[in-house]
């Protein structure tokens, strides 16, 4: 997985996770990790007014086993393609947790 690591302004390390969201799924799930490292996520939503970003952060916190406060959507908040920062987790750990969830 080709996640980019970056140094955040507060000096903590994190991973930049590219995510493509598909709303209105029957359930929340990570469906695949594409060759470029993009994680495809399907989210169950009940209405167009649902806060997709909040659902995504909550779901990813469950998948990655970290508090939602360690996740932040840093780009793409209004679109389907988002960039999510995962603070205090190395790229290999994120990769392993995503693979464990998919399998």
Foldseek 3Di string as FASTA:
>chain_A
DPWDWDQDPVRFTWTKAKEFEDEQDPAWAFADQDPNRYIYIYHHDDDPPDQVVVRVLVVLCVLLVHDSVQKDFPDDSPHRITIIIGTPDDPVSSVVSNVVRND
